[in-house]
Every structure is written in structure tokens, then in C-alpha cells.
Amino acid sequence: MADLVLPAFEMDCREWMVVSPTEAGLPEDVAGAPLLAVLSTMVIEDDIREATGALTVGIIDVDEDLAIREVVPGAAAHELLDLDQTPGTRRFVMPAPGQRLALLAEFVLQDDLADELGQRVERLMASFRWQSAAAY
């Protein structure tokens, strides 16, 4: 049996807010997958622009060949490159080591995906790692 691993982010609290699904006014699950947390960030300039993300848990189908992009070399997070992706969204998968279980993140961004909001999402996903439960 594989060791228990827990998800970890290096999250700058000046950029991100994390709330429970209940606090965000959302259901406890999305299409049967448990909704673990809701992440939100915003940029205030001439206007307020926001990016919101949802973290869920899923099972990876070992027979499915996913179109993915490594966020940064060696990263645990991979961006899903769906052809049917909804405009303004970015989806990521973080497979747990030695498991079929994965953490899934989906972000809805306002405006251009390459602007500050897109960069914040990219930095957050690049910081993701699996950490041994024994370390806690």
C-alpha cells in the first residue's frame, strides 16, 4: 500500500482566498465529485477582474490518454488541453503518486488568460506538490 500523501500549495495569502464550498454558497459536490475548496483571486486596477477555482477529487482512468501540458518542468500539476474547453477556463490535474486518485482544479478567469490573473493561476499550479502525511 502506498503512503498517504496530502496536497500542498505555496499560496500567497495576499493574492488568494480559500473558502469552503458552504462559505462560497456552492454544493458539497460537483457532478458527484467532492468539492474540497473554492479559491478566489482578483486584480483591482481600473476595474475589478476575478479568477475563481474549484478543487475536486477524481479517479484517473488508466486507459484514457489525456492531452496535458506540464505547468513547469518536473511539476506535479498538468494543464488539461481539452479541445472542448469552455472559453475563459483552465483545468488542471494532479495525480497522487502511486494512486488512481487525483486532485482536479478548474479556474474561471475574466479577460485574457495571459494577464495577471492567468499568471497567478500558473504560479499557484506550479507550486503544487504532494506531501507525505507523515510530514504533518
Protein backbone atom coordinates (compact mmCIF):
# COMPACT_ATOMS: atom_id res chain seq x y z
CA MET A 1 0.00 0.00 0.00
CA ALA A 2 1.30 3.46 -0.89
CA ASP A 3 1.94 6.09 1.76
CA LEU A 4 -0.77 8.65 2.28
CA VAL A 5 0.03 11.95 0.57
CA LEU A 6 -1.69 15.29 1.01
CA PRO A 7 -1.94 18.20 -1.43
CA ALA A 8 0.11 21.31 -0.69
CA PHE A 9 0.35 24.71 -2.39
CA GLU A 10 2.67 27.64 -1.76
CA MET A 11 -0.17 30.12 -1.65
CA ASP A 12 0.38 33.86 -1.21
CA CYS A 13 -2.47 35.00 1.03
CA ARG A 14 -2.17 38.49 -0.47
CA GLU A 15 -3.29 37.02 -3.79
CA TRP A 16 -5.59 34.10 -2.92
CA MET A 17 -8.55 33.49 -0.65
CA VAL A 18 -9.67 29.94 0.14
CA VAL A 19 -13.17 29.14 1.37
CA SER A 20 -15.21 26.02 1.90
CA PRO A 21 -17.96 25.19 -0.59
CA THR A 22 -20.57 26.10 2.02
CA GLU A 23 -18.98 29.53 2.62
CA ALA A 24 -18.98 30.11 -1.15
CA GLY A 25 -22.65 29.12 -1.40
CA LEU A 26 -21.85 26.06 -3.52
CA PRO A 27 -22.93 22.42 -3.18
CA GLU A 28 -20.65 19.89 -1.46
CA ASP A 29 -20.11 18.06 -4.74
CA VAL A 30 -19.91 18.76 -8.46
CA ALA A 31 -21.27 16.01 -10.70
CA GLY A 32 -20.66 13.51 -7.89
CA ALA A 33 -17.07 14.63 -7.17
CA PRO A 34 -16.48 16.11 -3.69
CA LEU A 35 -15.80 19.85 -3.82
CA LEU A 36 -12.89 20.41 -1.43
CA ALA A 37 -12.34 24.15 -1.62
CA VAL A 38 -13.03 27.26 -3.63
CA LEU A 39 -10.10 29.56 -4.48
CA SER A 40 -10.52 33.18 -5.50
CA THR A 41 -8.20 35.99 -6.56
CA MET A 42 -8.80 39.40 -8.00
CA VAL A 43 -6.91 42.26 -9.59
CA ILE A 44 -8.09 45.78 -8.86
CA GLU A 45 -6.97 48.36 -11.40
CA ASP A 46 -9.37 50.46 -13.47
CA ASP A 47 -11.84 47.62 -12.99
CA ILE A 48 -12.11 44.55 -10.78
CA ARG A 49 -11.22 41.29 -12.51
CA GLU A 50 -11.57 37.94 -10.77
CA ALA A 51 -10.49 34.34 -11.15
CA THR A 52 -12.28 31.61 -9.21
CA GLY A 53 -11.23 27.99 -8.93
CA ALA A 54 -12.74 24.82 -7.57
CA LEU A 55 -10.74 21.89 -6.19
CA THR A 56 -12.31 18.46 -6.50
CA VAL A 57 -11.15 14.85 -6.21
CA GLY A 58 -11.39 12.39 -9.06
CA ILE A 59 -10.34 8.95 -10.22
CA ILE A 60 -7.98 8.67 -13.19
CA ASP A 61 -8.95 6.20 -15.88
CA VAL A 62 -5.68 4.38 -16.61
CA ASP A 63 -6.84 3.58 -20.16
CA GLU A 64 -7.51 7.23 -21.01
CA ASP A 65 -4.75 9.19 -22.73
CA LEU A 66 -5.15 12.78 -21.53
CA ALA A 67 -3.91 15.72 -23.57
CA ILE A 68 -1.86 17.56 -20.94
CA ARG A 69 0.86 20.19 -20.59
CA GLU A 70 3.34 20.17 -17.70
CA VAL A 71 2.91 23.53 -15.93
CA VAL A 72 6.67 23.80 -15.31
CA PRO A 73 9.35 21.12 -15.79
CA GLY A 74 9.01 18.49 -13.06
CA ALA A 75 5.71 19.88 -11.74
CA ALA A 76 3.05 17.63 -10.27
CA ALA A 77 0.35 19.78 -11.89
CA HIS A 78 -0.54 19.33 -15.55
CA GLU A 79 -2.90 21.54 -17.51
CA LEU A 80 -5.61 19.65 -19.37
CA LEU A 81 -5.68 20.70 -23.02
CA ASP A 82 -9.27 19.88 -23.93
CA LEU A 83 -10.47 20.82 -27.37
CA ASP A 84 -13.98 21.22 -25.91
CA GLN A 85 -12.82 23.50 -23.09
CA THR A 86 -15.14 26.37 -22.22
CA PRO A 87 -13.58 29.72 -23.17
CA GLY A 88 -12.16 31.54 -20.14
CA THR A 89 -11.45 28.36 -18.19
CA ARG A 90 -8.28 26.48 -17.33
CA ARG A 91 -8.30 22.92 -15.94
CA PHE A 92 -5.50 21.08 -14.16
CA VAL A 93 -4.93 17.54 -12.91
CA MET A 94 -2.53 16.48 -10.15
CA PRO A 95 -2.34 12.66 -9.96
CA ALA A 96 -1.49 11.34 -6.50
CA PRO A 97 1.73 9.28 -6.50
CA GLY A 98 1.01 5.55 -6.78
CA GLN A 99 -2.77 6.10 -6.79
CA ARG A 100 -5.58 6.40 -9.31
CA LEU A 101 -6.79 9.34 -7.24
CA ALA A 102 -6.15 12.89 -8.47
CA LEU A 103 -6.80 16.42 -7.39
CA LEU A 104 -8.58 18.41 -10.10
CA ALA A 105 -8.65 22.20 -10.33
CA GLU A 106 -10.80 24.26 -12.64
CA PHE A 107 -10.46 28.04 -12.85
CA VAL A 108 -12.81 30.53 -14.45
CA LEU A 109 -10.94 33.68 -15.43
CA GLN A 110 -12.23 37.02 -16.59
CA ASP A 111 -10.49 38.62 -19.57
CA ASP A 112 -7.27 37.47 -21.22
CA LEU A 113 -5.83 34.21 -19.85
CA ALA A 114 -2.28 35.58 -20.25
CA ASP A 115 -2.79 38.60 -17.97
CA GLU A 116 -2.10 38.90 -14.23
CA LEU A 117 -4.96 36.53 -13.34
CA GLY A 118 -3.62 33.85 -15.67
CA GLN A 119 -0.14 34.31 -14.24
CA ARG A 120 -1.45 33.90 -10.68
CA VAL A 121 -3.17 30.65 -11.63
CA GLU A 122 0.01 29.45 -13.35
CA ARG A 123 2.19 30.28 -10.29
CA LEU A 124 -0.26 28.56 -7.95
CA MET A 125 -0.36 25.40 -10.06
CA ALA A 126 3.45 25.42 -10.44
CA SER A 127 3.76 25.48 -6.63
CA PHE A 128 1.58 22.38 -6.15
CA ARG A 129 3.21 19.28 -4.65
CA TRP A 130 2.18 16.10 -2.90
CA GLN A 131 3.49 15.96 0.65
CA SER A 132 3.77 12.87 2.82
CA ALA A 133 1.15 12.77 5.56
CA ALA A 134 3.97 11.83 7.95
CA ALA A 135 5.37 15.37 7.46
CA TYR A 136 2.28 16.79 9.19
